[in-house]
Amino acid sequence: MEKPHILQIGPYPEWDVERLEKQFEVHRYFEAQNKAAFVAECAYKIRGIATRGELGADKALIEALPNLEIISVYGVGFDAVDLDAAKAAGVRVTNTPDVLTGDVADLGVAMMLAASRGIIGAQDWVRSGNWQTKGGFPLQTRVFGKRVGVLGLGRIGYEVAQRCAGFDMDVAYCDLEPREFAKDWAFEPSAETLAERSDFLFVTLTGGPANKHVVDQKVIKALGPNGMLINVSRASNIDESALLDALEKKALGFACLDVFEGEPALNQRFVALDNVLLQPHHASGTFETRKAMGKLVFDNLLAQFEGSPLPTPVI
């Protein structure tokens, strides 16, 4: 019996590739020089797409595959998948929630701690010999007891808030409505009011048009010159131009960023700043989580082709 044919949009770790190739006929879209010709050649064979959250699958690709049944996303975000086109074509969409939640929350809090206490600069201070020749490292800012705002109290936002509560921080959040499971934390009705009462503002919203530039110039101004912005969600949730302007003018104290517009070719204005902590979109970048994500991508594809319930359906 012929293996189901799938289209692999971007590279995966080798352990995932081995699993996929054992069960499916894999067509590597990301290696094709002429992608339109490549798709046209295999279009009628393709029953599934294996993609990544930031790569997704657009309307043109979905419509070019007449026998497509499922789009399996490696990542929790699926805003790069054209859900309307998928629905119209009767195509199922899945993602990999929960398995990366803890790691993303960990990195967000780690960035807050590293930036507040100047951990990277302090290490450089020691390695350069400045500790011996110039004395102690400049004083930094504490975290415990400070006010933290969590913009988007979904899975990741909740875990961020829990970790911050463990540092005796004053936790508040903004979401569509107050949450029953968050009675110990203050609810703020808007991103701007949340920023006003926060020393640290975490952005943990889902992506997509509804949340595009939710963190705009007004929110950044409300956070202020002593505030810190931490983004482990989607770059599109923040007005990057307004953020850069505020950082350059010191109208915002600091930003910790794991995501960027146009990544990995980020705006070089960020590189010139001394009040940002830059990370290469690796919040889920642990062996444990990436292996769990890859297994879910595989399990969703296999379930679809075997006629079983999908483990983690989006639609």
C-alpha atoms as a PDB file:
ATOM      1  CA  MET A   1       0.000   0.000   0.000  1.00  0.00           C
ATOM      2  CA  GLU A   2       1.366   3.422  -0.993  1.00  0.00           C
ATOM      3  CA  LYS A   3       2.371   5.730   1.806  1.00  0.00           C
ATOM      4  CA  PRO A   4       0.374   8.989   2.120  1.00  0.00           C
ATOM      5  CA  HIS A   5       2.184  11.916   0.483  1.00  0.00           C
ATOM      6  CA  ILE A   6       2.832  15.049   2.554  1.00  0.00           C
ATOM      7  CA  LEU A   7       4.387  18.417   1.804  1.00  0.00           C
ATOM      8  CA  GLN A   8       7.028  19.535   4.320  1.00  0.00           C
ATOM      9  CA  ILE A   9       7.117  23.347   4.299  1.00  0.00           C
ATOM     10  CA  GLY A  10      10.207  23.949   6.446  1.00  0.00           C
ATOM     11  CA  PRO A  11      13.044  21.960   8.039  1.00  0.00           C
ATOM     12  CA  TYR A  12      12.549  19.862  11.179  1.00  0.00           C
ATOM     13  CA  PRO A  13      15.032  18.197  13.532  1.00  0.00           C
ATOM     14  CA  GLU A  14      16.447  14.952  12.178  1.00  0.00           C
ATOM     15  CA  TRP A  15      14.506  12.773  14.631  1.00  0.00           C
ATOM     16  CA  ASP A  16      11.245  14.179  13.249  1.00  0.00           C
ATOM     17  CA  VAL A  17      12.352  13.752   9.648  1.00  0.00           C
ATOM     18  CA  GLU A  18      13.167  10.084  10.267  1.00  0.00           C
ATOM     19  CA  ARG A  19       9.736   9.453  11.768  1.00  0.00           C
ATOM     20  CA  LEU A  20       7.893  11.263   8.976  1.00  0.00           C
ATOM     21  CA  GLU A  21       9.837   9.557   6.194  1.00  0.00           C
ATOM     22  CA  LYS A  22       9.229   6.131   7.690  1.00  0.00           C
ATOM     23  CA  GLN A  23       5.448   6.594   7.546  1.00  0.00           C
ATOM     24  CA  PHE A  24       4.924   9.045   4.673  1.00  0.00           C
ATOM     25  CA  GLU A  25       6.264  10.049   1.287  1.00  0.00           C
ATOM     26  CA  VAL A  26       7.743  13.442   2.144  1.00  0.00           C
ATOM     27  CA  HIS A  27       8.073  16.210  -0.460  1.00  0.00           C
ATOM     28  CA  ARG A  28      10.467  18.913   0.769  1.00  0.00           C
ATOM     29  CA  TYR A  29       8.946  22.196  -0.330  1.00  0.00           C
ATOM     30  CA  PHE A  30      11.634  24.263   1.413  1.00  0.00           C
ATOM     31  CA  GLU A  31      14.400  22.718  -0.708  1.00  0.00           C
ATOM     32  CA  ALA A  32      12.756  23.481  -4.059  1.00  0.00           C
ATOM     33  CA  GLN A  33      14.276  26.270  -6.139  1.00  0.00           C
ATOM     34  CA  ASN A  34      11.102  26.764  -8.188  1.00  0.00           C
ATOM     35  CA  LYS A  35       8.404  26.223  -5.609  1.00  0.00           C
ATOM     36  CA  ALA A  36       5.450  26.766  -7.950  1.00  0.00           C
ATOM     37  CA  ALA A  37       6.760  24.127 -10.357  1.00  0.00           C
ATOM     38  CA  PHE A  38       7.545  21.779  -7.474  1.00  0.00           C
ATOM     39  CA  VAL A  39       3.985  22.047  -6.119  1.00  0.00           C
ATOM     40  CA  ALA A  40       2.459  21.627  -9.557  1.00  0.00           C
ATOM     41  CA  GLU A  41       4.405  18.415 -10.076  1.00  0.00           C
ATOM     42  CA  CYS A  42       3.218  16.727  -6.876  1.00  0.00           C
ATOM     43  CA  ALA A  43      -0.067  18.578  -6.234  1.00  0.00           C
ATOM     44  CA  TYR A  44      -2.475  15.684  -6.825  1.00  0.00           C
ATOM     45  CA  LYS A  45      -0.493  13.341  -4.571  1.00  0.00           C
ATOM     46  CA  ILE A  46      -0.387  15.591  -1.513  1.00  0.00           C
ATOM     47  CA  ARG A  47      -2.840  14.683   1.261  1.00  0.00           C
ATOM     48  CA  GLY A  48      -1.144  16.507   4.136  1.00  0.00           C
ATOM     49  CA  ILE A  49       1.018  19.511   4.922  1.00  0.00           C
ATOM     50  CA  ALA A  50       3.592  19.510   7.723  1.00  0.00           C
ATOM     51  CA  THR A  51       4.495  23.110   8.482  1.00  0.00           C
ATOM     52  CA  ARG A  52       5.780  25.386  11.238  1.00  0.00           C
ATOM     53  CA  GLY A  53       3.904  28.104  13.076  1.00  0.00           C
ATOM     54  CA  GLU A  54       5.707  31.012  11.440  1.00  0.00           C
ATOM     55  CA  LEU A  55       5.538  29.446   7.950  1.00  0.00           C
ATOM     56  CA  GLY A  56       1.926  28.257   7.906  1.00  0.00           C
ATOM     57  CA  ALA A  57       0.121  27.654   4.616  1.00  0.00           C
ATOM     58  CA  ASP A  58      -1.488  30.407   2.567  1.00  0.00           C
ATOM     59  CA  LYS A  59      -4.604  30.377   0.407  1.00  0.00           C
ATOM     60  CA  ALA A  60      -2.703  29.880  -2.841  1.00  0.00           C
ATOM     61  CA  LEU A  61      -0.940  26.789  -1.542  1.00  0.00           C
ATOM     62  CA  ILE A  62      -4.096  25.295  -0.072  1.00  0.00           C
ATOM     63  CA  GLU A  63      -6.030  25.837  -3.286  1.00  0.00           C
ATOM     64  CA  ALA A  64      -3.181  24.336  -5.335  1.00  0.00           C
ATOM     65  CA  LEU A  65      -3.550  20.965  -3.566  1.00  0.00           C
ATOM     66  CA  PRO A  66      -6.908  19.421  -4.580  1.00  0.00           C
ATOM     67  CA  ASN A  67      -6.557  16.319  -2.388  1.00  0.00           C
ATOM     68  CA  LEU A  68      -5.282  18.064   0.725  1.00  0.00           C
ATOM     69  CA  GLU A  69      -6.867  16.757   3.937  1.00  0.00           C
ATOM     70  CA  ILE A  70      -4.843  18.197   6.811  1.00  0.00           C
ATOM     71  CA  ILE A  71      -2.360  20.923   7.742  1.00  0.00           C
ATOM     72  CA  SER A  72      -0.327  19.887  10.786  1.00  0.00           C
ATOM     73  CA  VAL A  73       1.435  22.844  12.424  1.00  0.00           C
ATOM     74  CA  TYR A  74       4.661  22.464  14.408  1.00  0.00           C
ATOM     75  CA  GLY A  75       3.940  25.158  17.002  1.00  0.00           C
ATOM     76  CA  VAL A  76       1.054  26.539  19.019  1.00  0.00           C
ATOM     77  CA  GLY A  77       0.497  29.528  16.715  1.00  0.00           C
ATOM     78  CA  PHE A  78      -1.499  28.955  13.554  1.00  0.00           C
ATOM     79  CA  ASP A  79      -2.094  32.536  12.414  1.00  0.00           C
ATOM     80  CA  ALA A  80       0.095  31.955   9.333  1.00  0.00           C
ATOM     81  CA  VAL A  81      -2.401  29.337   8.110  1.00  0.00           C
ATOM     82  CA  ASP A  82      -5.303  30.712   6.069  1.00  0.00           C
ATOM     83  CA  LEU A  83      -8.078  29.153   8.139  1.00  0.00           C
ATOM     84  CA  ASP A  84     -10.831  30.481   5.873  1.00  0.00           C
ATOM     85  CA  ALA A  85      -9.245  28.827   2.862  1.00  0.00           C
ATOM     86  CA  ALA A  86      -8.765  25.616   4.833  1.00  0.00           C
ATOM     87  CA  LYS A  87     -12.401  25.580   5.945  1.00  0.00           C
ATOM     88  CA  ALA A  88     -13.612  26.266   2.407  1.00  0.00           C
ATOM     89  CA  ALA A  89     -11.576  23.315   1.132  1.00  0.00           C
ATOM     90  CA  GLY A  90     -12.651  21.024   3.978  1.00  0.00           C
ATOM     91  CA  VAL A  91      -9.083  20.797   5.269  1.00  0.00           C
ATOM     92  CA  ARG A  92      -8.388  20.046   8.922  1.00  0.00           C
ATOM     93  CA  VAL A  93      -5.801  22.108  10.825  1.00  0.00           C
ATOM     94  CA  THR A  94      -3.916  21.017  13.942  1.00  0.00           C
ATOM     95  CA  ASN A  95      -1.231  22.554  16.158  1.00  0.00           C
ATOM     96  CA  THR A  96       0.955  21.544  19.115  1.00  0.00           C
ATOM     97  CA  PRO A  97      -0.446  23.253  22.234  1.00  0.00           C
ATOM     98  CA  ASP A  98       0.446  22.556  25.865  1.00  0.00           C
ATOM     99  CA  VAL A  99       3.740  20.759  25.197  1.00  0.00           C
ATOM    100  CA  LEU A 100       5.630  24.047  24.769  1.00  0.00           C
ATOM    101  CA  THR A 101       3.775  26.105  27.378  1.00  0.00           C
ATOM    102  CA  GLY A 102       6.211  25.651  30.246  1.00  0.00           C
ATOM    103  CA  ASP A 103       9.309  26.303  28.180  1.00  0.00           C
ATOM    104  CA  VAL A 104       7.914  29.528  26.715  1.00  0.00           C
ATOM    105  CA  ALA A 105       6.938  30.767  30.165  1.00  0.00           C
ATOM    106  CA  ASP A 106      10.373  29.814  31.502  1.00  0.00           C
ATOM    107  CA  LEU A 107      12.194  31.816  28.828  1.00  0.00           C
ATOM    108  CA  GLY A 108       9.970  34.850  29.328  1.00  0.00           C
ATOM    109  CA  VAL A 109      10.641  34.916  33.061  1.00  0.00           C
ATOM    110  CA  ALA A 110      14.333  34.136  32.501  1.00  0.00           C
ATOM    111  CA  MET A 111      14.606  37.153  30.194  1.00  0.00           C
ATOM    112  CA  MET A 112      12.944  39.353  32.812  1.00  0.00           C
ATOM    113  CA  LEU A 113      15.395  38.173  35.461  1.00  0.00           C
ATOM    114  CA  ALA A 114      18.449  38.399  33.212  1.00  0.00           C
ATOM    115  CA  ALA A 115      17.602  41.913  32.055  1.00  0.00           C
ATOM    116  CA  SER A 116      16.606  43.219  35.483  1.00  0.00           C
ATOM    117  CA  ARG A 117      19.754  41.963  37.173  1.00  0.00           C
ATOM    118  CA  GLY A 118      22.059  42.685  34.217  1.00  0.00           C
ATOM    119  CA  ILE A 119      23.254  39.081  34.109  1.00  0.00           C
ATOM    120  CA  ILE A 120      24.752  39.238  30.614  1.00  0.00           C
ATOM    121  CA  GLY A 121      26.495  42.546  31.278  1.00  0.00           C
ATOM    122  CA  ALA A 122      27.721  41.315  34.650  1.00  0.00           C
ATOM    123  CA  GLN A 123      29.323  38.263  33.064  1.00  0.00           C
ATOM    124  CA  ASP A 124      31.062  40.505  30.534  1.00  0.00           C
ATOM    125  CA  TRP A 125      32.210  42.690  33.433  1.00  0.00           C
ATOM    126  CA  VAL A 126      33.945  39.704  35.012  1.00  0.00           C
ATOM    127  CA  ARG A 127      35.404  38.279  31.791  1.00  0.00           C
ATOM    128  CA  SER A 128      36.786  41.639  30.659  1.00  0.00           C
ATOM    129  CA  GLY A 129      38.690  42.166  33.904  1.00  0.00           C
ATOM    130  CA  ASN A 130      36.598  45.214  34.837  1.00  0.00           C
ATOM    131  CA  TRP A 131      35.696  43.655  38.193  1.00  0.00           C
ATOM    132  CA  GLN A 132      39.357  43.683  39.170  1.00  0.00           C
ATOM    133  CA  THR A 133      40.264  47.042  37.658  1.00  0.00           C
ATOM    134  CA  LYS A 134      37.056  49.063  38.073  1.00  0.00           C
ATOM    135  CA  GLY A 135      35.332  47.431  41.004  1.00  0.00           C
ATOM    136  CA  GLY A 136      31.809  46.166  41.413  1.00  0.00           C
ATOM    137  CA  PHE A 137      29.240  45.992  38.627  1.00  0.00           C
ATOM    138  CA  PRO A 138      26.692  48.880  38.545  1.00  0.00           C
ATOM    139  CA  LEU A 139      23.589  48.335  40.661  1.00  0.00           C
ATOM    140  CA  GLN A 140      20.588  46.770  38.940  1.00  0.00           C
ATOM    141  CA  THR A 141      16.827  46.408  39.566  1.00  0.00           C
ATOM    142  CA  ARG A 142      15.066  43.852  41.753  1.00  0.00           C
ATOM    143  CA  VAL A 143      12.130  41.756  40.546  1.00  0.00           C
ATOM    144  CA  PHE A 144      10.411  40.467  43.681  1.00  0.00           C
ATOM    145  CA  GLY A 145       7.655  42.693  44.987  1.00  0.00           C
ATOM    146  CA  LYS A 146       7.306  44.558  41.671  1.00  0.00           C
ATOM    147  CA  ARG A 147       4.131  44.883  39.557  1.00  0.00           C
ATOM    148  CA  VAL A 148       3.794  42.567  36.584  1.00  0.00           C
ATOM    149  CA  GLY A 149       1.157  42.653  33.869  1.00  0.00           C
ATOM    150  CA  VAL A 150       0.289  39.675  31.659  1.00  0.00           C
ATOM    151  CA  LEU A 151      -1.387  40.605  28.391  1.00  0.00           C
ATOM    152  CA  GLY A 152      -3.307  37.499  27.368  1.00  0.00           C
ATOM    153  CA  LEU A 153      -4.071  34.952  30.089  1.00  0.00           C
ATOM    154  CA  GLY A 154      -4.122  31.820  27.950  1.00  0.00           C
ATOM    155  CA  ARG A 155      -2.010  28.745  28.595  1.00  0.00           C
ATOM    156  CA  ILE A 156       1.330  30.537  28.384  1.00  0.00           C
ATOM    157  CA  GLY A 157       0.124  33.718  30.089  1.00  0.00           C
ATOM    158  CA  TYR A 158      -1.192  31.703  33.017  1.00  0.00           C
ATOM    159  CA  GLU A 159       2.140  29.912  33.460  1.00  0.00           C
ATOM    160  CA  VAL A 160       4.015  33.228  33.287  1.00  0.00           C
ATOM    161  CA  ALA A 161       1.707  34.669  35.950  1.00  0.00           C
ATOM    162  CA  GLN A 162       2.182  31.620  38.177  1.00  0.00           C
ATOM    163  CA  ARG A 163       5.946  31.935  37.978  1.00  0.00           C
ATOM    164  CA  CYS A 164       5.825  35.656  38.716  1.00  0.00           C
ATOM    165  CA  ALA A 165       3.533  35.051  41.678  1.00  0.00           C
ATOM    166  CA  GLY A 166       6.241  32.714  42.966  1.00  0.00           C
ATOM    167  CA  PHE A 167       8.576  35.712  43.063  1.00  0.00           C
ATOM    168  CA  ASP A 168       6.058  37.580  45.246  1.00  0.00           C
ATOM    169  CA  MET A 169       5.198  39.919  42.391  1.00  0.00           C
ATOM    170  CA  ASP A 170       1.932  41.856  42.237  1.00  0.00           C
ATOM    171  CA  VAL A 171       0.207  40.158  39.282  1.00  0.00           C
ATOM    172  CA  ALA A 172      -2.432  41.685  37.023  1.00  0.00           C
ATOM    173  CA  TYR A 173      -3.696  40.613  33.630  1.00  0.00           C
ATOM    174  CA  CYS A 174      -5.770  41.692  30.664  1.00  0.00           C
ATOM    175  CA  ASP A 175      -7.932  39.310  28.679  1.00  0.00           C
ATOM    176  CA  LEU A 176     -11.331  39.321  26.991  1.00  0.00           C
ATOM    177  CA  GLU A 177     -12.975  39.027  30.412  1.00  0.00           C
ATOM    178  CA  PRO A 178     -12.070  38.240  34.022  1.00  0.00           C
ATOM    179  CA  ARG A 179     -11.089  34.611  34.508  1.00  0.00           C
ATOM    180  CA  GLU A 180     -12.490  32.435  37.290  1.00  0.00           C
ATOM    181  CA  PHE A 181      -9.139  30.687  37.727  1.00  0.00           C
ATOM    182  CA  ALA A 182      -7.351  34.006  38.276  1.00  0.00           C
ATOM    183  CA  LYS A 183      -9.248  35.391  41.261  1.00  0.00           C
ATOM    184  CA  ASP A 184      -6.010  36.152  43.129  1.00  0.00           C
ATOM    185  CA  TRP A 185      -4.842  38.451  40.336  1.00  0.00           C
ATOM    186  CA  ALA A 186      -6.148  41.876  39.352  1.00  0.00           C
ATOM    187  CA  PHE A 187      -8.055  42.222  36.074  1.00  0.00           C
ATOM    188  CA  GLU A 188      -7.450  45.229  33.828  1.00  0.00           C
ATOM    189  CA  PRO A 189      -9.869  45.987  30.977  1.00  0.00           C
ATOM    190  CA  SER A 190      -7.305  47.183  28.422  1.00  0.00           C
ATOM    191  CA  ALA A 191      -3.674  46.813  27.426  1.00  0.00           C
ATOM    192  CA  GLU A 192      -3.119  50.487  28.206  1.00  0.00           C
ATOM    193  CA  THR A 193      -4.451  50.344  31.758  1.00  0.00           C
ATOM    194  CA  LEU A 194      -2.483  47.156  32.353  1.00  0.00           C
ATOM    195  CA  ALA A 195       0.694  48.854  31.162  1.00  0.00           C
ATOM    196  CA  GLU A 196       0.038  51.879  33.388  1.00  0.00           C
ATOM    197  CA  ARG A 197       0.076  49.740  36.532  1.00  0.00           C
ATOM    198  CA  SER A 198       2.989  47.477  35.480  1.00  0.00           C
ATOM    199  CA  ASP A 199       6.727  47.559  35.988  1.00  0.00           C
ATOM    200  CA  PHE A 200       7.008  44.520  33.718  1.00  0.00           C
ATOM    201  CA  LEU A 201       4.576  43.785  30.878  1.00  0.00           C
ATOM    202  CA  PHE A 202       4.508  40.314  29.329  1.00  0.00           C
ATOM    203  CA  VAL A 203       2.877  39.866  25.925  1.00  0.00           C
ATOM    204  CA  THR A 204       1.463  36.331  25.722  1.00  0.00           C
ATOM    205  CA  LEU A 205      -1.409  36.853  23.283  1.00  0.00           C
ATOM    206  CA  THR A 206      -2.254  34.712  20.293  1.00  0.00           C
ATOM    207  CA  GLY A 207      -1.277  36.183  16.936  1.00  0.00           C
ATOM    208  CA  GLY A 208      -3.440  37.129  13.979  1.00  0.00           C
ATOM    209  CA  PRO A 209      -5.244  40.228  12.683  1.00  0.00           C
ATOM    210  CA  ALA A 210      -7.337  40.704  15.830  1.00  0.00           C
ATOM    211  CA  ASN A 211      -4.233  41.325  17.934  1.00  0.00           C
ATOM    212  CA  LYS A 212      -2.058  43.115  15.394  1.00  0.00           C
ATOM    213  CA  HIS A 213      -0.256  46.028  17.097  1.00  0.00           C
ATOM    214  CA  VAL A 214      -2.277  45.674  20.299  1.00  0.00           C
ATOM    215  CA  VAL A 215       0.850  46.989  21.968  1.00  0.00           C
ATOM    216  CA  ASP A 216       0.997  50.348  20.220  1.00  0.00           C
ATOM    217  CA  GLN A 217       2.535  53.726  20.973  1.00  0.00           C
ATOM    218  CA  LYS A 218      -0.070  54.432  23.692  1.00  0.00           C
ATOM    219  CA  VAL A 219       0.592  51.169  25.521  1.00  0.00           C
ATOM    220  CA  ILE A 220       4.353  51.637  25.292  1.00  0.00           C
ATOM    221  CA  LYS A 221       4.043  55.190  26.606  1.00  0.00           C
ATOM    222  CA  ALA A 222       1.903  53.922  29.489  1.00  0.00           C
ATOM    223  CA  LEU A 223       4.594  51.417  30.431  1.00  0.00           C
ATOM    224  CA  GLY A 224       7.064  54.276  30.503  1.00  0.00           C
ATOM    225  CA  PRO A 225      10.794  54.951  30.883  1.00  0.00           C
ATOM    226  CA  ASN A 226      11.139  52.646  33.883  1.00  0.00           C
ATOM    227  CA  GLY A 227       9.066  49.829  32.424  1.00  0.00           C
ATOM    228  CA  MET A 228      10.120  46.581  30.758  1.00  0.00           C
ATOM    229  CA  LEU A 229       8.300  44.885  27.868  1.00  0.00           C
ATOM    230  CA  ILE A 230       8.735  41.117  27.372  1.00  0.00           C
ATOM    231  CA  ASN A 231       7.374  39.486  24.210  1.00  0.00           C
ATOM    232  CA  VAL A 232       7.195  35.695  23.826  1.00  0.00           C
ATOM    233  CA  SER A 233       4.128  35.728  21.581  1.00  0.00           C
ATOM    234  CA  ARG A 234       4.066  37.053  18.014  1.00  0.00           C
ATOM    235  CA  ALA A 235       6.036  39.999  16.643  1.00  0.00           C
ATOM    236  CA  SER A 236       2.889  41.344  14.988  1.00  0.00           C
ATOM    237  CA  ASN A 237       1.300  41.916  18.401  1.00  0.00           C
ATOM    238  CA  ILE A 238       3.652  44.880  18.896  1.00  0.00           C
ATOM    239  CA  ASP A 239       4.039  47.967  16.752  1.00  0.00           C
ATOM    240  CA  GLU A 240       7.742  47.443  16.128  1.00  0.00           C
ATOM    241  CA  SER A 241       8.309  50.941  14.753  1.00  0.00           C
ATOM    242  CA  ALA A 242       6.767  52.522  17.849  1.00  0.00           C
ATOM    243  CA  LEU A 243       8.788  50.172  20.052  1.00  0.00           C
ATOM    244  CA  LEU A 244      12.070  51.094  18.384  1.00  0.00           C
ATOM    245  CA  ASP A 245      11.305  54.809  18.624  1.00  0.00           C
ATOM    246  CA  ALA A 246      10.528  54.501  22.331  1.00  0.00           C
ATOM    247  CA  LEU A 247      13.652  52.458  23.076  1.00  0.00           C
ATOM    248  CA  GLU A 248      15.895  54.858  21.181  1.00  0.00           C
ATOM    249  CA  LYS A 249      14.423  57.850  22.990  1.00  0.00           C
ATOM    250  CA  LYS A 250      14.507  56.015  26.353  1.00  0.00           C
ATOM    251  CA  ALA A 251      10.743  56.552  26.573  1.00  0.00           C
ATOM    252  CA  LEU A 252      10.628  52.817  27.350  1.00  0.00           C
ATOM    253  CA  GLY A 253      13.105  51.434  29.810  1.00  0.00           C
ATOM    254  CA  PHE A 254      13.853  48.010  28.369  1.00  0.00           C
ATOM    255  CA  ALA A 255      12.519  45.291  26.060  1.00  0.00           C
ATOM    256  CA  CYS A 256      13.126  41.536  26.028  1.00  0.00           C
ATOM    257  CA  LEU A 257      12.230  40.067  22.647  1.00  0.00           C
ATOM    258  CA  ASP A 258      12.153  36.531  21.286  1.00  0.00           C
ATOM    259  CA  VAL A 259      10.251  37.420  18.087  1.00  0.00           C
ATOM    260  CA  PHE A 260      10.714  40.023  15.359  1.00  0.00           C
ATOM    261  CA  GLU A 261       9.081  41.188  12.155  1.00  0.00           C
ATOM    262  CA  GLY A 262      10.893  39.640   9.189  1.00  0.00           C
ATOM    263  CA  GLU A 263      12.981  37.365  11.380  1.00  0.00           C
ATOM    264  CA  PRO A 264      15.704  36.230  11.252  1.00  0.00           C
ATOM    265  CA  ALA A 265      16.532  39.419   9.321  1.00  0.00           C
ATOM    266  CA  LEU A 266      15.519  41.684  12.180  1.00  0.00           C
ATOM    267  CA  ASN A 267      15.610  45.468  11.990  1.00  0.00           C
ATOM    268  CA  GLN A 268      19.224  46.497  12.632  1.00  0.00           C
ATOM    269  CA  ARG A 269      18.046  49.345  14.835  1.00  0.00           C
ATOM    270  CA  PHE A 270      17.578  46.714  17.546  1.00  0.00           C
ATOM    271  CA  VAL A 271      21.213  45.639  17.350  1.00  0.00           C
ATOM    272  CA  ALA A 272      22.439  49.159  18.057  1.00  0.00           C
ATOM    273  CA  LEU A 273      20.434  49.442  21.298  1.00  0.00           C
ATOM    274  CA  ASP A 274      21.760  48.767  24.775  1.00  0.00           C
ATOM    275  CA  ASN A 275      18.308  48.521  26.359  1.00  0.00           C
ATOM    276  CA  VAL A 276      17.107  45.341  24.664  1.00  0.00           C
ATOM    277  CA  LEU A 277      17.697  41.635  25.253  1.00  0.00           C
ATOM    278  CA  LEU A 278      17.490  39.827  21.905  1.00  0.00           C
ATOM    279  CA  GLN A 279      16.727  36.121  21.533  1.00  0.00           C
ATOM    280  CA  PRO A 280      16.497  34.016  18.327  1.00  0.00           C
ATOM    281  CA  HIS A 281      12.844  32.880  18.586  1.00  0.00           C
ATOM    282  CA  HIS A 282      13.728  29.865  20.683  1.00  0.00           C
ATOM    283  CA  ALA A 283      11.261  29.988  23.581  1.00  0.00           C
ATOM    284  CA  SER A 284      10.309  26.375  22.855  1.00  0.00           C
ATOM    285  CA  GLY A 285      13.908  25.458  22.102  1.00  0.00           C
ATOM    286  CA  THR A 286      14.557  22.529  24.403  1.00  0.00           C
ATOM    287  CA  PHE A 287      15.149  18.932  23.349  1.00  0.00           C
ATOM    288  CA  GLU A 288      12.193  17.784  25.426  1.00  0.00           C
ATOM    289  CA  THR A 289       9.670  20.214  23.976  1.00  0.00           C
ATOM    290  CA  ARG A 290      10.803  20.027  20.362  1.00  0.00           C
ATOM    291  CA  LYS A 291      10.571  16.235  20.455  1.00  0.00           C
ATOM    292  CA  ALA A 292       7.063  16.438  21.906  1.00  0.00           C
ATOM    293  CA  MET A 293       6.047  18.989  19.262  1.00  0.00           C
ATOM    294  CA  GLY A 294       7.361  16.802  16.444  1.00  0.00           C
ATOM    295  CA  LYS A 295       5.504  13.780  17.779  1.00  0.00           C
ATOM    296  CA  LEU A 296       2.247  15.731  17.847  1.00  0.00           C
ATOM    297  CA  VAL A 297       2.737  16.842  14.231  1.00  0.00           C
ATOM    298  CA  PHE A 298       3.242  13.202  13.288  1.00  0.00           C
ATOM    299  CA  ASP A 299       0.373  11.913  15.449  1.00  0.00           C
ATOM    300  CA  ASN A 300      -2.091  14.373  13.917  1.00  0.00           C
ATOM    301  CA  LEU A 301      -1.103  13.409  10.376  1.00  0.00           C
ATOM    302  CA  LEU A 302      -1.287   9.707  11.147  1.00  0.00           C
ATOM    303  CA  ALA A 303      -4.683  10.055  12.846  1.00  0.00           C
ATOM    304  CA  GLN A 304      -6.106  11.853   9.816  1.00  0.00           C
ATOM    305  CA  PHE A 305      -4.953   9.192   7.369  1.00  0.00           C
ATOM    306  CA  GLU A 306      -6.126   6.369   9.617  1.00  0.00           C
ATOM    307  CA  GLY A 307      -9.527   7.946  10.152  1.00  0.00           C
ATOM    308  CA  SER A 308      -8.984   8.429  13.891  1.00  0.00           C
ATOM    309  CA  PRO A 309      -9.842  11.506  16.002  1.00  0.00           C
ATOM    310  CA  LEU A 310      -7.216  14.231  15.732  1.00  0.00           C
ATOM    311  CA  PRO A 311      -5.223  14.681  18.973  1.00  0.00           C
ATOM    312  CA  THR A 312      -5.064  18.506  18.837  1.00  0.00           C
ATOM    313  CA  PRO A 313      -7.470  19.956  16.250  1.00  0.00           C
ATOM    314  CA  VAL A 314      -7.823  23.664  15.521  1.00  0.00           C
ATOM    315  CA  ILE A 315     -10.548  23.121  12.899  1.00  0.00           C
END
